[in-house]
Amino acid sequence: MYYVSFKAYDHFHLYKLTYIMLIPYQEINEATLVALIETYIDREGTDYGESEVSRSNMINQVHQQLTIGKVVICYDPDSQTCNILTASQAKMLEKIIE
């Protein structure tokens, strides 16, 4: 588990973050991880062009992105929520306080 402190308002919340925890995906049980990935897919939406992609394939793609570090799981203890962010979004949050 990693802790990142924030002292500024970010683009993703309307309140001030004090810190978030980056949670390694390996520490989350499989059913919870799949539910989190499904929520991410529903919230973010995807554009696969003209080809249809099954929901299980979408879940596998996000899981693969977690494996290679393209997306990360963040827990915000202030709101008690867990979200998946792209690595670039997480880096942007870090830069806000620099």
Protein backbone atom coordinates (compact mmCIF):
# COMPACT_ATOMS: atom_id res chain seq x y z
CA MET A 1 0.00 0.00 0.00
CA TYR A 2 1.36 3.41 -0.91
CA TYR A 3 0.31 6.76 0.51
CA VAL A 4 0.30 9.94 -1.53
CA SER A 5 -0.44 13.28 0.11
CA PHE A 6 -2.46 15.96 -1.63
CA LYS A 7 -2.93 19.52 -0.47
CA ALA A 8 -4.89 20.96 -3.38
CA TYR A 9 -8.23 20.46 -5.07
CA ASP A 10 -8.09 18.01 -7.93
CA HIS A 11 -10.02 17.51 -11.15
CA PHE A 12 -11.85 14.42 -9.94
CA HIS A 13 -13.46 15.58 -6.68
CA LEU A 14 -15.18 18.69 -5.42
CA TYR A 15 -13.50 18.51 -2.02
CA LYS A 16 -9.94 18.78 -0.82
CA LEU A 17 -7.96 15.55 -0.78
CA THR A 18 -5.59 15.05 2.12
CA TYR A 19 -4.14 11.82 0.77
CA ILE A 20 -5.01 8.71 -1.19
CA MET A 21 -3.75 5.18 -0.98
CA LEU A 22 -2.55 3.34 -4.07
CA ILE A 23 -3.72 -0.24 -3.61
CA PRO A 24 -1.88 -3.06 -5.42
CA TYR A 25 -4.49 -4.97 -7.41
CA GLN A 26 -3.02 -8.26 -6.14
CA GLU A 27 -4.22 -7.40 -2.61
CA ILE A 28 -7.90 -7.27 -3.67
CA ASN A 29 -9.90 -10.49 -3.83
CA GLU A 30 -10.97 -11.49 -7.33
CA ALA A 31 -14.72 -10.85 -6.94
CA THR A 32 -14.13 -7.36 -5.57
CA LEU A 33 -11.57 -6.61 -8.28
CA VAL A 34 -13.98 -7.67 -11.03
CA ALA A 35 -16.75 -5.51 -9.51
CA LEU A 36 -14.36 -2.55 -9.36
CA ILE A 37 -13.30 -3.09 -12.98
CA GLU A 38 -16.95 -3.36 -14.08
CA THR A 39 -17.75 -0.07 -12.35
CA TYR A 40 -14.76 1.54 -14.09
CA ILE A 41 -15.90 0.22 -17.48
CA ASP A 42 -19.45 1.49 -16.92
CA ARG A 43 -18.26 4.91 -15.74
CA GLU A 44 -15.57 5.52 -18.33
CA GLY A 45 -17.26 3.96 -21.32
CA THR A 46 -15.22 2.76 -24.24
CA ASP A 47 -15.12 3.18 -27.98
CA TYR A 48 -14.15 0.02 -29.79
CA GLY A 49 -15.17 1.29 -33.21
CA GLU A 50 -17.26 -0.96 -35.39
CA SER A 51 -16.26 -4.20 -33.66
CA GLU A 52 -18.18 -5.54 -30.68
CA VAL A 53 -16.15 -6.39 -27.58
CA SER A 54 -17.64 -8.68 -24.95
CA ARG A 55 -17.86 -7.54 -21.35
CA SER A 56 -15.51 -10.32 -20.26
CA ASN A 57 -12.97 -9.17 -22.85
CA MET A 58 -13.26 -5.59 -21.55
CA ILE A 59 -12.66 -6.84 -18.00
CA ASN A 60 -9.63 -8.81 -19.18
CA GLN A 61 -8.25 -5.73 -20.95
CA VAL A 62 -8.54 -3.58 -17.82
CA HIS A 63 -7.01 -6.38 -15.74
CA GLN A 64 -4.09 -6.47 -18.18
CA GLN A 65 -3.72 -2.68 -17.86
CA LEU A 66 -3.52 -3.13 -14.07
CA THR A 67 -0.87 -5.81 -14.54
CA ILE A 68 1.37 -3.57 -16.65
CA GLY A 69 0.73 -0.44 -14.60
CA LYS A 70 -1.24 1.50 -17.20
CA VAL A 71 -4.05 1.97 -14.65
CA VAL A 72 -3.88 1.97 -10.83
CA ILE A 73 -6.34 1.46 -7.98
CA CYS A 74 -6.71 4.39 -5.59
CA TYR A 75 -8.55 4.51 -2.28
CA ASP A 76 -9.66 7.85 -0.85
CA PRO A 77 -10.18 7.47 2.91
CA ASP A 78 -11.98 10.83 3.15
CA SER A 79 -14.83 9.70 0.87
CA GLN A 80 -14.21 6.00 1.54
CA THR A 81 -14.25 5.27 -2.19
CA CYS A 82 -12.05 3.19 -4.41
CA ASN A 83 -11.44 4.11 -8.04
CA ILE A 84 -9.35 3.06 -10.98
CA LEU A 85 -7.32 5.88 -12.50
CA THR A 86 -5.00 5.86 -15.45
CA ALA A 87 -1.36 6.13 -14.47
CA SER A 88 -1.28 9.57 -16.11
CA GLN A 89 -4.25 10.74 -13.99
CA ALA A 90 -2.47 9.53 -10.84
CA LYS A 91 0.71 11.35 -11.89
CA MET A 92 -1.30 14.50 -12.55
CA LEU A 93 -2.68 14.35 -9.02
CA GLU A 94 0.86 14.07 -7.68
CA LYS A 95 1.95 17.13 -9.68
CA ILE A 96 -0.84 19.25 -8.20
CA ILE A 97 0.98 19.44 -4.88
CA GLU A 98 4.49 20.04 -6.25
